[in-house]
Amino acid sequence: MIVREVHLYHVRMPLLEPWVTAYGSQDNIESLFVNLKFDSVDGWGECAPAPLPLYNSEYTKGAFAAAHDVFAAQIVGKEISSADQLQSLFREFKGHEFTRSAFDSAWWDARALECGKPLWSLIGGVNQTVAVGADIPVLSSTSALINRVAEAIDQGFPRVKLKFNRTCTIEMIERVRSNFPDLVMHIDCNSGFTLDDIEMFRALDKLELKMIEQPLAYDDLVNHAALQQQIKTPICLDESITSLSRAAKAIRIKACQWINIKTSRVGGLTNAIAIHDFCKNQGVPVWVGGMLESAVGQGPSLALATKDNVAYPSDIFPSKRFFDEDFSTPEITLLRKGKIAAPARPGSGFTPKLDFLQKHSVAKVRVK
């Protein structure tokens, strides 16, 4: 497949409610859409780093610039016959995992379309219908939190994730546990704490959490290993896992017992599959995370979630969870309580609404 043109869109998508985490609050989501045009098929990819470099070092305006100045120019006019070949064309460049992922996802979408297969089937998925969980942002009161957890349970979600930052208290999580003693739940700290908070972690250790997600610095492995030695609750690494190499190091030093794989955070579906397979061989379970993307961005994550070592309900969200109307079609919907089906149609199964991209574009460009 020869890349004839690359179309890039930096769009701003309004959220239904502010998304509050340990690294800040967002009223809008900014995404980079990448469209790779081949001779017979088009492929679409999307990444949604934060508008400012708060989740990691990337941000959307920078991703758009890198996509235009570096990555698109590297592939236009070239025949790319495999995902590994695409990765090798980008190998000399440092960082920019989110940007890479949008190109990687677009290539996989086009490849699956060319093969006439659903993406999840093409990559060896085994469970077309996957379990998904509910994610609840930091809220202003314990009563609001308990109400939102109750709603998630009523909707049939098999587990609940609570965002947790320094405005939250142990008492809030204790109240949730006392109200819902059998609830499968965990907290996501988004790198908000340090080893100086060990007494807090010891208190959390008593609440039968399924895991504590990314408690310490976004680029740390060593201190996570030290913390895991001091608590029985499994640590799950998210932001710290940016590559197969980082995953292997984390497992080797026992920095975690779970790994959350975000296709965008690790540079694309190609690398995500490699991490999944490595963890499976090491006996380390994984689950699939996501940013606040449209359905195009969630498509590769949904495909990955059909793999056989995904052992925990994933962060794949119904479109109505965050958007009044998804920027992509079809919208992602709950098939039944806590379940979402990967599309049966060829490709990733999702395409953007071009009128939305045009209307909400902050910047756009064609590279040929």
Protein backbone atom coordinates (compact mmCIF):
# COMPACT_ATOMS: atom_id res chain seq x y z
CA MET A 1 0.00 0.00 0.00
CA ILE A 2 1.49 3.34 -1.09
CA VAL A 3 0.63 6.43 0.98
CA ARG A 4 -0.58 9.00 -1.54
CA GLU A 5 -1.74 11.76 0.82
CA VAL A 6 -2.01 12.46 4.54
CA HIS A 7 -4.82 14.65 5.91
CA LEU A 8 -4.50 16.00 9.45
CA TYR A 9 -7.16 17.61 11.64
CA HIS A 10 -6.72 19.19 15.07
CA VAL A 11 -10.24 19.33 16.51
CA ARG A 12 -11.78 20.49 19.77
CA MET A 13 -14.68 18.39 21.09
CA PRO A 14 -16.91 19.68 23.92
CA LEU A 15 -17.56 17.34 26.86
CA LEU A 16 -20.87 16.83 28.61
CA GLU A 17 -19.22 17.50 31.99
CA PRO A 18 -15.75 18.51 33.18
CA TRP A 19 -13.32 15.58 33.43
CA VAL A 20 -11.45 16.01 36.73
CA THR A 21 -8.39 13.92 37.58
CA ALA A 22 -5.18 14.25 39.55
CA TYR A 23 -3.61 16.16 36.65
CA GLY A 24 -6.34 18.76 36.19
CA SER A 25 -9.79 19.47 34.78
CA GLN A 26 -10.88 19.55 31.13
CA ASP A 27 -14.05 21.01 29.62
CA ASN A 28 -13.09 20.02 26.08
CA ILE A 29 -11.16 17.22 24.48
CA GLU A 30 -8.69 18.02 21.73
CA SER A 31 -7.89 15.29 19.21
CA LEU A 32 -5.59 14.76 16.28
CA PHE A 33 -7.25 12.87 13.41
CA VAL A 34 -4.97 11.29 10.80
CA ASN A 35 -6.29 10.15 7.43
CA LEU A 36 -3.93 8.06 5.28
CA LYS A 37 -5.02 7.85 1.64
CA PHE A 38 -3.82 4.82 -0.28
CA ASP A 39 -4.70 3.84 -3.86
CA SER A 40 -7.78 1.78 -3.02
CA VAL A 41 -8.56 2.47 0.67
CA ASP A 42 -8.42 5.21 3.28
CA GLY A 43 -7.43 4.63 6.89
CA TRP A 44 -8.35 6.75 9.90
CA GLY A 45 -6.61 7.14 13.24
CA GLU A 46 -7.04 9.46 16.19
CA CYS A 47 -5.15 10.38 19.34
CA ALA A 48 -6.28 12.64 22.16
CA PRO A 49 -3.45 13.84 24.36
CA ALA A 50 -4.44 16.52 26.83
CA PRO A 51 -4.68 20.12 25.53
CA LEU A 52 -1.69 20.90 27.77
CA PRO A 53 1.18 18.53 28.68
CA LEU A 54 -0.39 17.36 31.94
CA TYR A 55 -1.03 13.64 31.40
CA ASN A 56 2.45 13.23 29.90
CA SER A 57 4.79 15.43 27.87
CA GLU A 58 2.53 15.49 24.81
CA TYR A 59 -0.31 17.87 23.97
CA THR A 60 -2.58 18.16 20.96
CA LYS A 61 -1.18 21.27 19.30
CA GLY A 62 2.28 19.71 19.56
CA ALA A 63 0.98 16.40 18.20
CA PHE A 64 -0.47 18.20 15.18
CA ALA A 65 2.84 19.97 14.57
CA ALA A 66 4.83 16.74 14.90
CA ALA A 67 2.39 14.94 12.61
CA HIS A 68 2.78 17.63 9.95
CA ASP A 69 6.46 18.47 10.28
CA VAL A 70 7.89 15.00 10.94
CA PHE A 71 5.73 11.91 10.62
CA ALA A 72 3.59 12.65 7.55
CA ALA A 73 6.61 13.77 5.55
CA GLN A 74 8.35 10.52 6.48
CA ILE A 75 5.75 8.29 4.85
CA VAL A 76 4.13 10.15 1.92
CA GLY A 77 4.93 8.40 -1.34
CA LYS A 78 6.23 5.27 0.36
CA GLU A 79 4.85 1.78 0.14
CA ILE A 80 4.10 0.42 3.60
CA SER A 81 3.34 -3.28 3.54
CA SER A 82 3.40 -4.02 7.26
CA ALA A 83 2.86 -2.37 10.63
CA ASP A 84 6.45 -3.18 11.57
CA GLN A 85 7.65 -1.32 8.49
CA LEU A 86 5.66 1.74 9.54
CA GLN A 87 7.18 1.57 13.00
CA SER A 88 10.67 1.26 11.52
CA LEU A 89 10.15 4.43 9.47
CA PHE A 90 9.51 6.29 12.73
CA ARG A 91 12.18 4.51 14.80
CA GLU A 92 14.82 7.23 14.65
CA PHE A 93 12.48 9.79 16.23
CA LYS A 94 12.22 10.11 20.01
CA GLY A 95 8.96 10.25 21.93
CA HIS A 96 5.65 11.46 20.44
CA GLU A 97 3.92 8.16 21.19
CA PHE A 98 0.45 9.65 20.83
CA THR A 99 1.23 11.07 17.39
CA ARG A 100 2.75 7.80 16.24
CA SER A 101 -0.33 5.94 17.44
CA ALA A 102 -2.67 7.94 15.20
CA PHE A 103 -0.60 7.00 12.14
CA ASP A 104 -0.32 3.39 13.28
CA SER A 105 -4.07 3.14 13.84
CA ALA A 106 -4.79 4.64 10.43
CA TRP A 107 -2.52 2.06 8.79
CA TRP A 108 -4.23 -0.83 10.63
CA ASP A 109 -7.67 0.51 9.64
CA ALA A 110 -6.61 0.62 5.99
CA ARG A 111 -4.98 -2.81 6.18
CA ALA A 112 -8.11 -4.41 7.65
CA LEU A 113 -10.24 -2.73 4.96
CA GLU A 114 -7.92 -4.02 2.26
CA CYS A 115 -8.13 -7.53 3.71
CA GLY A 116 -11.90 -7.29 4.08
CA LYS A 117 -11.68 -8.25 7.76
CA PRO A 118 -12.74 -6.61 11.02
CA LEU A 119 -9.67 -5.24 12.78
CA TRP A 120 -10.29 -7.29 15.92
CA SER A 121 -10.31 -10.50 13.87
CA LEU A 122 -7.24 -9.50 11.85
CA ILE A 123 -5.14 -9.10 15.02
CA GLY A 124 -6.21 -12.42 16.50
CA GLY A 125 -8.94 -11.33 18.88
CA VAL A 126 -11.03 -14.08 20.43
CA ASN A 127 -13.87 -12.30 22.22
CA GLN A 128 -15.85 -10.01 19.92
CA THR A 129 -17.96 -8.86 22.88
CA VAL A 130 -15.87 -7.35 25.66
CA ALA A 131 -16.55 -6.29 29.23
CA VAL A 132 -16.19 -2.60 30.03
CA GLY A 133 -16.22 -0.67 33.28
CA ALA A 134 -17.47 2.65 34.60
CA ASP A 135 -15.07 5.53 35.27
CA ILE A 136 -16.02 8.28 37.68
CA PRO A 137 -14.10 11.57 37.84
CA VAL A 138 -13.20 13.37 41.05
CA LEU A 139 -16.44 14.76 42.46
CA SER A 140 -17.11 17.52 44.98
CA SER A 141 -18.72 15.41 47.71
CA THR A 142 -18.92 11.89 49.05
CA SER A 143 -22.68 11.80 48.53
CA ALA A 144 -22.24 12.69 44.84
CA LEU A 145 -19.64 9.96 44.52
CA ILE A 146 -21.88 7.34 46.13
CA ASN A 147 -24.77 8.35 43.87
CA ARG A 148 -22.61 7.97 40.77
CA VAL A 149 -21.35 4.57 41.91
CA ALA A 150 -24.94 3.45 42.51
CA GLU A 151 -25.87 4.59 38.99
CA ALA A 152 -22.97 2.58 37.54
CA ILE A 153 -24.08 -0.52 39.42
CA ASP A 154 -27.68 -0.04 38.29
CA GLN A 155 -26.43 0.20 34.69
CA GLY A 156 -24.76 -3.18 35.09
CA PHE A 157 -21.09 -2.24 34.88
CA PRO A 158 -18.98 -5.09 36.32
CA ARG A 159 -16.43 -2.80 37.93
CA VAL A 160 -15.99 0.86 38.85
CA LYS A 161 -12.88 3.02 38.66
CA LEU A 162 -12.67 6.10 40.88
CA LYS A 163 -10.36 8.93 39.96
CA PHE A 164 -8.39 9.87 43.07
CA ASN A 165 -6.39 13.03 43.75
CA ARG A 166 -5.23 15.06 46.75
CA THR A 167 -8.67 16.58 47.26
CA CYS A 168 -10.03 13.08 47.86
CA THR A 169 -9.94 11.39 51.26
CA ILE A 170 -9.63 7.87 52.56
CA GLU A 171 -13.01 8.37 54.18
CA MET A 172 -14.64 8.85 50.76
CA ILE A 173 -13.35 5.49 49.55
CA GLU A 174 -14.27 3.88 52.90
CA ARG A 175 -17.83 5.15 52.47
CA VAL A 176 -18.03 3.71 48.98
CA ARG A 177 -16.77 0.36 50.25
CA SER A 178 -19.16 0.31 53.21
CA ASN A 179 -22.12 1.11 50.95
CA PHE A 180 -21.10 -1.43 48.29
CA PRO A 181 -19.18 -4.21 50.08
CA ASP A 182 -19.12 -6.56 47.07
CA LEU A 183 -18.25 -3.96 44.45
CA VAL A 184 -15.24 -4.65 42.22
CA MET A 185 -13.49 -1.29 42.22
CA HIS A 186 -10.13 0.39 42.02
CA ILE A 187 -8.73 3.89 42.21
CA ASP A 188 -6.71 5.73 39.58
CA CYS A 189 -4.20 8.19 41.00
CA ASN A 190 -2.85 9.51 37.67
CA SER A 191 0.67 9.94 39.09
CA GLY A 192 -0.57 12.21 41.87
CA PHE A 193 1.33 10.86 44.89
CA THR A 194 4.79 9.96 46.21
CA LEU A 195 6.35 7.46 48.61
CA ASP A 196 5.84 10.06 51.33
CA ASP A 197 2.15 9.11 51.16
CA ILE A 198 2.83 5.56 52.36
CA GLU A 199 0.42 5.82 55.32
CA MET A 200 -2.38 6.73 52.94
CA PHE A 201 -1.58 3.71 50.79
CA ARG A 202 -1.55 1.47 53.86
CA ALA A 203 -5.01 2.76 54.75
CA LEU A 204 -6.21 2.09 51.20
CA ASP A 205 -4.70 -1.37 51.49
CA LYS A 206 -7.50 -2.32 53.90
CA LEU A 207 -10.34 -1.56 51.47
CA GLU A 208 -10.08 -4.59 49.17
CA LEU A 209 -9.39 -2.60 46.04
CA LYS A 210 -8.78 -4.65 42.91
CA MET A 211 -5.74 -2.47 42.21
CA ILE A 212 -4.25 0.99 42.64
CA GLU A 213 -3.57 2.49 39.23
CA GLN A 214 -0.47 4.64 38.64
CA PRO A 215 -0.04 5.94 42.20
CA LEU A 216 3.40 7.53 41.67
CA ALA A 217 5.20 9.62 39.05
CA TYR A 218 4.27 9.18 35.39
CA ASP A 219 7.81 8.15 34.39
CA ASP A 220 8.68 6.05 37.45
CA LEU A 221 9.28 2.32 37.80
CA VAL A 222 11.67 2.00 40.76
CA ASN A 223 9.53 3.69 43.40
CA HIS A 224 6.50 1.72 42.27
CA ALA A 225 8.50 -1.44 42.95
CA ALA A 226 9.32 -0.12 46.42
CA LEU A 227 5.67 0.68 47.08
CA GLN A 228 4.47 -2.72 45.84
CA GLN A 229 6.73 -4.36 48.42
CA GLN A 230 4.96 -2.46 51.20
CA ILE A 231 1.31 -3.04 50.26
CA LYS A 232 -0.68 -6.11 49.29
CA THR A 233 -3.06 -4.34 46.89
CA PRO A 234 -1.79 -4.88 43.35
CA ILE A 235 -0.29 -1.87 41.61
CA CYS A 236 -1.32 -1.29 38.00
CA LEU A 237 0.99 0.79 35.83
CA ASP A 238 -0.46 3.10 33.18
CA GLU A 239 1.48 6.26 32.37
CA SER A 240 4.81 4.55 33.16
CA ILE A 241 4.35 2.00 30.36
CA THR A 242 5.25 3.69 27.09
CA SER A 243 6.88 0.77 25.26
CA LEU A 244 7.52 -2.95 25.31
CA SER A 245 10.91 -2.24 26.86
CA ARG A 246 9.32 -0.30 29.75
CA ALA A 247 6.80 -3.07 30.31
CA ALA A 248 9.56 -5.67 30.44
CA LYS A 249 11.54 -3.61 32.96
CA ALA A 250 8.48 -3.05 35.15
CA ILE A 251 7.77 -6.76 35.26
CA ARG A 252 11.41 -7.65 35.89
CA ILE A 253 11.71 -5.40 38.96
CA LYS A 254 8.18 -6.29 40.19
CA ALA A 255 6.91 -2.73 39.95
CA CYS A 256 3.35 -3.89 39.26
CA GLN A 257 1.00 -6.85 39.09
CA TRP A 258 -1.22 -5.43 36.33
CA ILE A 259 -0.54 -3.37 33.23
CA ASN A 260 -3.00 -1.00 31.60
CA ILE A 261 -2.34 -0.79 27.85
CA LYS A 262 -3.39 2.37 26.06
CA THR A 263 -2.74 2.12 22.33
CA SER A 264 -2.05 5.87 22.14
CA ARG A 265 0.33 5.89 25.08
CA VAL A 266 2.53 3.10 23.70
CA GLY A 267 2.81 4.42 20.14
CA GLY A 268 0.01 2.46 18.50
CA LEU A 269 -1.77 -0.85 18.16
CA THR A 270 1.38 -2.55 16.86
CA ASN A 271 3.24 -1.92 20.11
CA ALA A 272 0.13 -2.58 22.18
CA ILE A 273 -0.17 -6.08 20.72
CA ALA A 274 3.52 -6.73 21.45
CA ILE A 275 3.04 -5.66 25.09
CA HIS A 276 -0.10 -7.79 25.41
CA ASP A 277 1.70 -10.85 24.07
CA PHE A 278 4.78 -10.30 26.25
CA CYS A 279 2.67 -9.91 29.39
CA LYS A 280 0.76 -13.07 28.52
CA ASN A 281 4.02 -15.00 28.27
CA GLN A 282 5.14 -13.56 31.61
CA GLY A 283 1.86 -14.42 33.35
CA VAL A 284 0.97 -10.76 33.92
CA PRO A 285 -2.67 -9.85 33.19
CA VAL A 286 -3.54 -6.69 31.29
CA TRP A 287 -6.55 -4.55 30.57
CA VAL A 288 -7.17 -1.86 28.01
CA GLY A 289 -7.33 1.83 28.82
CA GLY A 290 -8.21 4.81 26.71
CA MET A 291 -8.20 8.56 26.56
CA LEU A 292 -11.33 10.58 25.87
CA GLU A 293 -11.37 9.93 22.14
CA SER A 294 -14.19 9.66 19.66
CA ALA A 295 -15.16 6.22 18.37
CA VAL A 296 -12.33 6.39 15.77
CA GLY A 297 -9.77 6.67 18.58
CA GLN A 298 -11.42 3.95 20.62
CA GLY A 299 -11.64 1.53 17.68
CA PRO A 300 -8.10 0.08 18.03
CA SER A 301 -8.55 -0.15 21.81
CA LEU A 302 -11.78 -2.07 21.32
CA ALA A 303 -10.00 -4.44 18.94
CA LEU A 304 -7.17 -4.94 21.44
CA ALA A 305 -9.67 -5.68 24.21
CA THR A 306 -10.80 -8.79 22.30
CA LYS A 307 -7.38 -10.44 22.91
CA ASP A 308 -7.14 -13.35 25.31
CA ASN A 309 -4.91 -11.87 28.05
CA VAL A 310 -7.28 -8.94 28.72
CA ALA A 311 -8.46 -9.99 32.17
CA TYR A 312 -10.30 -6.95 33.56
CA PRO A 313 -13.15 -4.79 32.18
CA SER A 314 -11.65 -2.17 29.90
CA ASP A 315 -11.92 1.61 29.68
CA ILE A 316 -13.91 1.74 26.47
CA PHE A 317 -16.73 4.20 26.77
CA PRO A 318 -20.17 4.48 25.19
CA SER A 319 -20.21 7.63 23.08
CA LYS A 320 -22.98 9.17 25.19
CA ARG A 321 -20.76 8.97 28.27
CA PHE A 322 -18.78 12.03 27.23
CA PHE A 323 -20.28 13.58 24.10
CA ASP A 324 -23.67 14.97 23.18
CA GLU A 325 -22.88 13.57 19.72
CA ASP A 326 -19.81 11.54 18.86
CA PHE A 327 -17.49 12.97 16.22
CA SER A 328 -17.39 9.52 14.63
CA THR A 329 -19.89 7.05 13.28
CA PRO A 330 -21.34 4.69 14.27
CA GLU A 331 -21.49 5.66 17.91
CA ILE A 332 -20.23 3.17 20.48
CA THR A 333 -23.15 1.77 22.44
CA LEU A 334 -23.63 -0.74 25.21
CA LEU A 335 -24.77 -4.02 23.71
CA ARG A 336 -26.08 -5.03 27.11
CA LYS A 337 -25.07 -4.29 30.67
CA GLY A 338 -21.32 -3.76 30.83
CA LYS A 339 -20.68 -5.17 27.34
CA ILE A 340 -19.61 -3.63 24.05
CA ALA A 341 -19.23 -5.51 20.77
CA ALA A 342 -16.36 -4.90 18.38
CA PRO A 343 -17.73 -4.07 14.90
CA ALA A 344 -18.25 -6.93 12.45
CA ARG A 345 -17.59 -4.71 9.41
CA PRO A 346 -14.11 -4.56 7.81
CA GLY A 347 -11.57 -2.10 9.20
CA SER A 348 -11.66 -0.62 12.66
CA GLY A 349 -15.38 -0.15 12.11
CA PHE A 350 -15.52 3.62 12.68
CA THR A 351 -15.06 6.73 10.55
CA PRO A 352 -15.19 10.41 11.50
CA LYS A 353 -18.03 12.71 10.54
CA LEU A 354 -16.25 14.99 8.10
CA ASP A 355 -18.68 17.85 8.66
CA PHE A 356 -17.81 17.73 12.37
CA LEU A 357 -14.10 17.75 11.62
CA GLN A 358 -14.51 20.76 9.35
CA LYS A 359 -16.72 22.64 11.82
CA HIS A 360 -14.62 21.98 14.92
CA SER A 361 -11.12 22.06 13.43
CA VAL A 362 -8.59 24.26 15.15
CA ALA A 363 -6.16 23.48 12.32
CA LYS A 364 -6.07 21.19 9.29
CA VAL A 365 -3.59 20.42 6.53
CA ARG A 366 -3.00 18.07 3.60
CA VAL A 367 0.46 16.58 2.99
CA LYS A 368 1.19 15.11 -0.44
